[in-house]
Amino acid sequence: MEDEIPYNELYKVGDHLILKLCCNDIFEGDFSAGGKNRIDLINTKQHNNPNKLGGILSFYRNEIDNIHQLKTKMTIKPEEPIENDIQDLKKINMVEEEYERLKEMARSYVYLENADNRYYEAVKSLGDAELIGVVALGMEDSRTAVIKLLVICNFKQVYIFDMTNMKNRSFYQELKEILESEYTCKVVHGGGPLIDILYRNYKVYMKYVFDTQVVDLIIEKNKKRKMLSQMRDISECLVEYLNFPSSLLKNALDVTIKQWAHRPLSDRKKLYASQLVTYLITLKEDMQKILFSEMYKAIENVHDHYYYMNCYDFSKKMRDNSVSEDIEKLIPMLNKSSLDTETENVGSVSSSGTNVQKM
């Protein structure tokens, strides 16, 4: 405890802090004062409670497990590369506006039990999206399992489809078309069982899928040169990639299969279901940045090359599309074997014109 940096030296008045306590509760608010081992927050909220708690709340070092901050939104191009310090590495990989937007989106779910007007508005909104998150809840550990809840979100809204009213394993045609679309990317986490059950039991062949659990394994194996012994759940991935508090989704993940099947479904359970899908798209976007980090870095370097040109060279380059030696040096060689394999696959499909069907 002697070498701990005092809280009043780490944080300044107005800093927005997210505290995960040792008991797994999460509180967030604005730093108003503190001491070596005390943090005082105002405008405080408790996780899963949208209402602000009045007055000043004090938290002490021995009850605090982790302290998180949100990234600062950059509006000015830095003149020099920014090196992250230790405190930056502890920050949630998200700006405050986006963090609050996602929390509000989770709370503002639309719960649908029947194919009424709201249902058709929902499937229209989802059908127009290029990217959706998909979670199925209440399935038994069996290939003959029945989906109790199907939770789908786009960038702005979460829709909870209560599937218990469906008879004879039929599936709403509009939802089937969305899941089978080759133009709407479906983001799932650990989607293997869901895709199998959809196909075998509901005759729904879900295509164009981004599975964050599988991509996590790809990143670990290729970037860190190791393979996990256990696949991470959605909460663990949010901690790993976005530095979220580890207990953010604890209550949602603790709901049992039997509890998901119980009707009527409580508002609290609906909120938990909504939370499990809300962060999938954001997680996918962050993982994609890692997968294509060399590409994004090359794009940034080429753009910076223009930024640092003098006015004469800039004007000259605008009229010239030739690849200069300076530009060529900024373009990396990507994984050749992957590119060659992809090229061969594209060539074989185009030459044969064969459509592969799932049997």
Protein backbone atom coordinates (compact mmCIF):
# COMPACT_ATOMS: atom_id res chain seq x y z
CA MET A 1 0.00 0.00 0.00
CA GLU A 2 2.96 2.33 0.61
CA ASP A 3 3.88 2.59 -3.09
CA GLU A 4 0.29 3.11 -4.33
CA ILE A 5 -0.19 6.40 -6.20
CA PRO A 6 -2.74 8.56 -4.33
CA TYR A 7 -6.07 8.81 -6.13
CA ASN A 8 -6.02 12.61 -5.92
CA GLU A 9 -2.79 12.57 -7.95
CA LEU A 10 -4.07 10.10 -10.55
CA TYR A 11 -7.37 11.84 -11.29
CA LYS A 12 -8.56 15.41 -11.62
CA VAL A 13 -11.94 16.95 -10.87
CA GLY A 14 -14.42 16.11 -13.62
CA ASP A 15 -12.78 12.86 -14.76
CA HIS A 16 -15.46 10.28 -15.53
CA LEU A 17 -14.57 7.07 -13.67
CA ILE A 18 -16.05 3.57 -13.79
CA LEU A 19 -15.38 1.61 -10.60
CA LYS A 20 -15.67 -2.17 -10.38
CA LEU A 21 -15.86 -3.12 -6.71
CA CYS A 22 -14.59 -6.33 -5.17
CA CYS A 23 -18.22 -7.43 -4.75
CA ASN A 24 -18.66 -7.11 -8.59
CA ASP A 25 -20.92 -4.05 -8.36
CA ILE A 26 -20.14 -1.32 -10.89
CA PHE A 27 -20.52 2.40 -10.22
CA GLU A 28 -19.67 5.29 -12.51
CA GLY A 29 -19.56 9.01 -11.95
CA ASP A 30 -17.47 12.17 -12.03
CA PHE A 31 -14.44 12.53 -9.75
CA SER A 32 -15.10 15.41 -7.35
CA ALA A 33 -12.47 14.91 -4.66
CA GLY A 34 -10.39 12.26 -2.98
CA GLY A 35 -7.30 11.37 -1.04
CA LYS A 36 -4.61 8.73 -1.12
CA ASN A 37 -7.09 5.87 -0.67
CA ARG A 38 -10.49 7.51 -1.28
CA ILE A 39 -12.48 8.49 -4.36
CA ASP A 40 -15.51 10.80 -4.15
CA LEU A 41 -17.95 10.66 -7.06
CA ILE A 42 -20.86 12.88 -8.03
CA ASN A 43 -23.48 12.29 -10.77
CA THR A 44 -23.12 8.63 -9.84
CA LYS A 45 -24.98 5.72 -11.43
CA GLN A 46 -25.00 2.05 -10.52
CA HIS A 47 -24.83 -0.50 -13.34
CA ASN A 48 -28.31 -1.58 -14.53
CA ASN A 49 -29.87 1.43 -12.80
CA PRO A 50 -30.35 4.43 -15.15
CA ASN A 51 -31.16 6.84 -12.31
CA LYS A 52 -28.45 9.04 -10.81
CA LEU A 53 -27.72 8.57 -7.13
CA GLY A 54 -27.92 11.79 -5.16
CA GLY A 55 -25.09 13.48 -3.28
CA ILE A 56 -21.44 12.47 -3.02
CA LEU A 57 -20.53 8.78 -2.85
CA SER A 58 -17.17 7.75 -1.40
CA PHE A 59 -15.28 4.59 -2.32
CA TYR A 60 -12.13 3.29 -0.62
CA ARG A 61 -9.15 1.47 -2.04
CA ASN A 62 -9.80 -1.75 -0.11
CA GLU A 63 -13.27 -2.10 -1.71
CA ILE A 64 -12.23 -1.14 -5.27
CA ASP A 65 -11.14 -3.93 -7.61
CA ASN A 66 -10.56 -1.93 -10.81
CA ILE A 67 -10.88 1.65 -12.03
CA HIS A 68 -11.67 2.33 -15.68
CA GLN A 69 -11.76 5.52 -17.72
CA LEU A 70 -13.07 6.09 -21.23
CA LYS A 71 -10.98 7.18 -24.19
CA THR A 72 -10.84 10.88 -25.02
CA LYS A 73 -12.32 11.78 -28.38
CA MET A 74 -9.60 13.17 -30.66
CA THR A 75 -10.62 16.18 -32.78
CA ILE A 76 -7.15 17.48 -33.72
CA LYS A 77 -4.56 15.58 -35.73
CA PRO A 78 -1.47 14.99 -33.53
CA GLU A 79 1.77 16.40 -34.91
CA GLU A 80 3.72 13.46 -33.46
CA PRO A 81 2.77 9.83 -32.72
CA ILE A 82 1.14 9.48 -29.31
CA GLU A 83 2.69 6.96 -26.95
CA ASN A 84 0.25 5.39 -24.52
CA ASP A 85 1.19 5.63 -20.87
CA ILE A 86 0.15 3.12 -18.21
CA GLN A 87 -3.08 4.99 -17.46
CA ASP A 88 -4.05 5.04 -21.16
CA LEU A 89 -3.66 1.26 -21.32
CA LYS A 90 -6.19 0.92 -18.49
CA LYS A 91 -8.83 2.99 -20.30
CA ILE A 92 -11.91 1.47 -21.88
CA ASN A 93 -11.32 1.38 -25.63
CA MET A 94 -14.32 3.58 -26.34
CA VAL A 95 -15.24 7.26 -26.05
CA GLU A 96 -17.82 8.30 -23.46
CA GLU A 97 -20.52 9.18 -26.01
CA GLU A 98 -20.40 5.69 -27.53
CA TYR A 99 -20.32 3.98 -24.13
CA GLU A 100 -23.44 5.88 -23.04
CA ARG A 101 -25.14 5.24 -26.40
CA LEU A 102 -24.70 1.49 -26.05
CA LYS A 103 -25.98 1.46 -22.47
CA GLU A 104 -29.07 3.41 -23.51
CA MET A 105 -29.56 1.12 -26.51
CA ALA A 106 -29.54 -1.92 -24.20
CA ARG A 107 -32.22 -0.32 -22.02
CA SER A 108 -34.40 0.74 -24.98
CA TYR A 109 -35.08 -2.74 -26.36
CA VAL A 110 -38.27 -3.63 -28.25
CA TYR A 111 -39.91 -6.84 -26.99
CA LEU A 112 -42.00 -8.72 -29.58
CA GLU A 113 -44.31 -11.68 -28.91
CA ASN A 114 -46.40 -11.73 -32.09
CA ALA A 115 -46.20 -10.77 -35.75
CA ASP A 116 -47.93 -7.42 -35.26
CA ASN A 117 -47.14 -4.01 -36.80
CA ARG A 118 -44.13 -3.57 -34.51
CA TYR A 119 -42.78 -6.91 -35.72
CA TYR A 120 -42.92 -5.81 -39.36
CA GLU A 121 -41.27 -2.50 -38.49
CA ALA A 122 -38.52 -4.46 -36.72
CA VAL A 123 -37.80 -6.85 -39.59
CA LYS A 124 -37.82 -3.93 -42.04
CA SER A 125 -35.20 -2.13 -39.94
CA LEU A 126 -33.07 -5.28 -39.57
CA GLY A 127 -33.42 -6.20 -43.23
CA ASP A 128 -32.05 -2.79 -44.27
CA ALA A 129 -28.96 -3.16 -42.05
CA GLU A 130 -25.58 -4.26 -43.38
CA LEU A 131 -24.54 -5.51 -39.95
CA ILE A 132 -26.58 -7.11 -37.15
CA GLY A 133 -25.83 -8.87 -33.87
CA VAL A 134 -27.61 -12.18 -33.16
CA VAL A 135 -28.03 -14.08 -29.86
CA ALA A 136 -30.28 -17.07 -29.11
CA LEU A 137 -31.23 -17.83 -25.51
CA GLY A 138 -32.95 -20.63 -23.64
CA MET A 139 -31.67 -23.52 -25.78
CA GLU A 140 -31.07 -26.88 -24.12
CA ASP A 141 -27.75 -28.65 -24.69
CA SER A 142 -29.19 -30.76 -27.48
CA ARG A 143 -29.43 -30.75 -31.27
CA THR A 144 -33.21 -30.90 -30.89
CA ALA A 145 -33.20 -27.72 -28.79
CA VAL A 146 -35.87 -25.06 -29.17
CA ILE A 147 -34.96 -21.36 -29.23
CA LYS A 148 -36.87 -19.49 -26.53
CA LEU A 149 -35.57 -15.99 -27.31
CA LEU A 150 -33.96 -14.63 -30.46
CA VAL A 151 -32.29 -11.28 -29.80
CA ILE A 152 -31.16 -9.23 -32.80
CA CYS A 153 -29.76 -5.71 -32.99
CA ASN A 154 -28.61 -3.27 -35.61
CA PHE A 155 -26.47 -0.22 -34.89
CA LYS A 156 -29.31 1.66 -33.16
CA GLN A 157 -31.90 -0.76 -31.78
CA VAL A 158 -32.27 -4.11 -30.00
CA TYR A 159 -35.23 -6.36 -30.84
CA ILE A 160 -36.18 -9.31 -28.61
CA PHE A 161 -38.26 -11.92 -30.45
CA ASP A 162 -40.06 -14.24 -28.03
CA MET A 163 -40.16 -17.55 -29.90
CA THR A 164 -42.34 -19.48 -27.43
CA ASN A 165 -45.51 -18.65 -29.39
CA MET A 166 -44.18 -20.35 -32.53
CA LYS A 167 -45.74 -23.73 -33.30
CA ASN A 168 -44.37 -26.88 -34.95
CA ARG A 169 -40.84 -25.48 -35.26
CA SER A 170 -41.97 -23.04 -37.92
CA PHE A 171 -39.94 -19.89 -38.36
CA TYR A 172 -41.13 -16.44 -39.33
CA GLN A 173 -40.33 -16.05 -43.02
CA GLU A 174 -39.07 -12.48 -42.63
CA LEU A 175 -36.57 -13.49 -39.95
CA LYS A 176 -35.50 -16.48 -42.04
CA GLU A 177 -34.73 -14.19 -44.99
CA ILE A 178 -32.65 -11.87 -42.80
CA LEU A 179 -30.59 -14.71 -41.33
CA GLU A 180 -30.08 -16.30 -44.76
CA SER A 181 -29.16 -13.03 -46.46
CA GLU A 182 -25.71 -12.94 -48.08
CA TYR A 183 -25.68 -9.14 -47.82
CA THR A 184 -26.32 -8.69 -44.10
CA CYS A 185 -23.39 -9.70 -41.89
CA LYS A 186 -24.50 -11.56 -38.77
CA VAL A 187 -22.26 -11.09 -35.71
CA VAL A 188 -22.49 -13.94 -33.20
CA HIS A 189 -20.41 -15.23 -30.30
CA GLY A 190 -19.92 -19.00 -30.19
CA GLY A 191 -22.41 -19.43 -33.02
CA GLY A 192 -21.66 -23.05 -33.99
CA PRO A 193 -24.52 -24.65 -31.99
CA LEU A 194 -27.00 -21.93 -33.01
CA ILE A 195 -26.24 -22.28 -36.73
CA ASP A 196 -26.55 -26.08 -36.50
CA ILE A 197 -29.86 -25.94 -34.61
CA LEU A 198 -31.28 -23.31 -36.96
CA TYR A 199 -30.51 -25.49 -39.96
CA ARG A 200 -31.52 -28.89 -38.59
CA ASN A 201 -34.60 -27.84 -36.63
CA TYR A 202 -35.88 -24.71 -38.38
CA LYS A 203 -34.55 -25.13 -41.95
CA VAL A 204 -32.77 -21.78 -41.69
CA TYR A 205 -29.33 -21.69 -43.32
CA MET A 206 -27.59 -18.71 -41.71
CA LYS A 207 -24.86 -17.31 -43.94
CA TYR A 208 -22.31 -14.45 -43.89
CA VAL A 209 -21.42 -14.88 -40.22
CA PHE A 210 -18.72 -13.16 -38.15
CA ASP A 211 -18.15 -15.25 -34.99
CA THR A 212 -16.28 -13.19 -32.40
CA GLN A 213 -15.36 -16.30 -30.40
CA VAL A 214 -13.67 -17.89 -33.42
CA VAL A 215 -11.99 -14.62 -34.40
CA ASP A 216 -10.63 -14.35 -30.85
CA LEU A 217 -8.87 -17.70 -31.40
CA ILE A 218 -7.51 -16.49 -34.76
CA ILE A 219 -6.09 -13.34 -33.18
CA GLU A 220 -4.54 -15.25 -30.28
CA LYS A 221 -2.91 -17.79 -32.60
CA ASN A 222 -1.64 -15.33 -35.22
CA LYS A 223 -0.85 -12.20 -33.26
CA LYS A 224 0.23 -13.68 -29.92
CA ARG A 225 1.51 -17.01 -31.27
CA LYS A 226 -0.43 -19.07 -28.75
CA MET A 227 -3.72 -20.96 -28.54
CA LEU A 228 -6.17 -20.59 -25.70
CA SER A 229 -7.03 -23.71 -23.71
CA GLN A 230 -10.59 -22.44 -23.15
CA MET A 231 -12.71 -20.35 -25.50
CA ARG A 232 -13.64 -16.98 -24.03
CA ASP A 233 -17.25 -16.02 -23.40
CA ILE A 234 -18.58 -12.65 -24.58
CA SER A 235 -17.76 -10.94 -21.27
CA GLU A 236 -14.15 -12.13 -21.33
CA CYS A 237 -13.76 -10.87 -24.90
CA LEU A 238 -15.12 -7.45 -23.94
CA VAL A 239 -12.49 -7.33 -21.18
CA GLU A 240 -9.71 -8.49 -23.52
CA TYR A 241 -10.41 -6.17 -26.45
CA LEU A 242 -12.31 -3.19 -25.03
CA ASN A 243 -11.06 -3.28 -21.42
CA PHE A 244 -14.63 -3.35 -20.05
CA PRO A 245 -15.25 -4.12 -16.36
CA SER A 246 -15.25 -7.91 -15.99
CA SER A 247 -18.64 -7.99 -14.24
CA LEU A 248 -20.50 -5.83 -16.80
CA LEU A 249 -22.45 -8.83 -18.16
CA LYS A 250 -22.21 -11.06 -15.08
CA ASN A 251 -25.93 -10.93 -14.22
CA ALA A 252 -26.91 -11.62 -17.83
CA LEU A 253 -24.57 -14.60 -18.13
CA ASP A 254 -25.78 -16.01 -14.80
CA VAL A 255 -29.37 -16.46 -16.07
CA THR A 256 -30.06 -20.18 -16.50
CA ILE A 257 -31.72 -21.93 -19.45
CA LYS A 258 -34.75 -22.64 -17.27
CA GLN A 259 -35.02 -18.96 -16.28
CA TRP A 260 -34.88 -17.85 -19.93
CA ALA A 261 -37.79 -20.23 -20.63
CA HIS A 262 -39.98 -18.96 -17.77
CA ARG A 263 -42.97 -16.81 -18.78
CA PRO A 264 -43.86 -14.06 -18.30
CA LEU A 265 -40.33 -12.80 -18.85
CA SER A 266 -39.45 -10.09 -16.34
CA ASP A 267 -38.22 -6.66 -17.44
CA ARG A 268 -34.93 -7.45 -15.73
CA LYS A 269 -34.47 -10.59 -17.86
CA LYS A 270 -35.36 -8.63 -20.99
CA LEU A 271 -32.65 -6.10 -20.13
CA TYR A 272 -30.10 -8.89 -19.60
CA ALA A 273 -31.04 -10.44 -22.97
CA SER A 274 -30.61 -7.06 -24.62
CA GLN A 275 -27.20 -6.54 -23.02
CA LEU A 276 -25.90 -9.83 -24.44
CA VAL A 277 -26.36 -8.62 -28.02
CA THR A 278 -25.70 -4.88 -27.64
CA TYR A 279 -21.90 -5.02 -27.67
CA LEU A 280 -21.40 -7.61 -30.44
CA ILE A 281 -21.12 -5.12 -33.32
CA THR A 282 -18.66 -2.95 -31.39
CA LEU A 283 -16.56 -6.01 -30.52
CA LYS A 284 -16.56 -7.10 -34.17
CA GLU A 285 -15.37 -3.67 -35.32
CA ASP A 286 -12.50 -3.69 -32.81
CA MET A 287 -11.45 -7.22 -33.77
CA GLN A 288 -11.54 -6.26 -37.44
CA LYS A 289 -9.13 -3.39 -36.75
CA ILE A 290 -6.70 -5.92 -35.26
CA LEU A 291 -7.11 -8.39 -38.12
CA PHE A 292 -6.51 -5.66 -40.70
CA SER A 293 -4.10 -3.59 -38.61
CA GLU A 294 -1.40 -3.61 -41.31
CA MET A 295 -3.89 -2.41 -43.89
CA TYR A 296 -5.26 0.38 -41.69
CA LYS A 297 -1.74 1.45 -40.76
CA ALA A 298 -0.73 1.60 -44.43
CA ILE A 299 -3.77 3.75 -45.24
CA GLU A 300 -2.91 6.10 -42.38
CA ASN A 301 0.74 6.30 -43.47
CA VAL A 302 -0.18 7.15 -47.07
CA HIS A 303 -2.59 9.85 -45.89
CA ASP A 304 0.08 11.25 -43.57
CA HIS A 305 2.47 11.29 -46.53
CA TYR A 306 0.14 13.76 -48.24
CA TYR A 307 -0.34 15.74 -45.04
CA TYR A 308 3.37 16.41 -44.60
CA MET A 309 4.05 17.36 -48.25
CA ASN A 310 4.93 20.94 -49.07
CA CYS A 311 2.36 22.84 -51.15
CA TYR A 312 4.24 22.40 -54.44
CA ASP A 313 4.61 18.62 -54.08
CA PHE A 314 1.00 18.34 -52.90
CA SER A 315 -0.36 20.12 -55.98
CA LYS A 316 1.91 18.09 -58.26
CA LYS A 317 0.81 14.80 -56.67
CA MET A 318 -2.89 15.64 -57.08
CA ARG A 319 -2.39 15.59 -60.86
CA ASP A 320 -0.26 12.44 -60.86
CA ASN A 321 -1.57 8.95 -60.07
CA SER A 322 1.73 7.16 -60.53
CA VAL A 323 3.00 5.11 -57.57
CA SER A 324 6.07 6.94 -56.34
CA GLU A 325 8.93 5.24 -54.53
CA ASP A 326 7.83 6.98 -51.31
CA ILE A 327 4.33 5.51 -51.61
CA GLU A 328 5.63 2.05 -52.49
CA LYS A 329 7.71 1.95 -49.31
CA LEU A 330 4.56 2.54 -47.26
CA ILE A 331 2.68 -0.46 -48.73
CA PRO A 332 3.32 -3.66 -46.73
CA MET A 333 3.45 -7.25 -47.94
CA LEU A 334 0.50 -9.06 -46.37
CA ASN A 335 0.34 -12.77 -45.57
CA LYS A 336 1.17 -14.22 -48.98
CA SER A 337 -0.18 -17.72 -48.35
CA SER A 338 -3.57 -16.34 -47.29
CA LEU A 339 -3.76 -14.09 -50.34
CA ASP A 340 -2.74 -16.91 -52.69
CA THR A 341 -5.34 -19.27 -51.18
CA GLU A 342 -8.05 -16.64 -51.48
CA THR A 343 -7.13 -15.99 -55.12
CA GLU A 344 -7.22 -19.71 -55.93
CA ASN A 345 -10.62 -20.09 -54.27
CA VAL A 346 -12.08 -17.15 -56.19
CA GLY A 347 -10.64 -18.50 -59.44
CA SER A 348 -12.00 -22.01 -58.95
CA VAL A 349 -15.50 -20.76 -58.10
CA SER A 350 -15.64 -18.42 -61.10
CA SER A 351 -14.33 -20.99 -63.54
CA SER A 352 -16.60 -23.82 -62.44
CA GLY A 353 -19.68 -21.73 -61.68
CA THR A 354 -20.66 -24.30 -59.06
CA ASN A 355 -22.92 -23.33 -56.15
CA VAL A 356 -22.17 -25.20 -52.93
CA GLN A 357 -25.30 -26.27 -51.08
CA LYS A 358 -25.46 -27.33 -47.46
CA MET A 359 -26.73 -30.88 -47.17
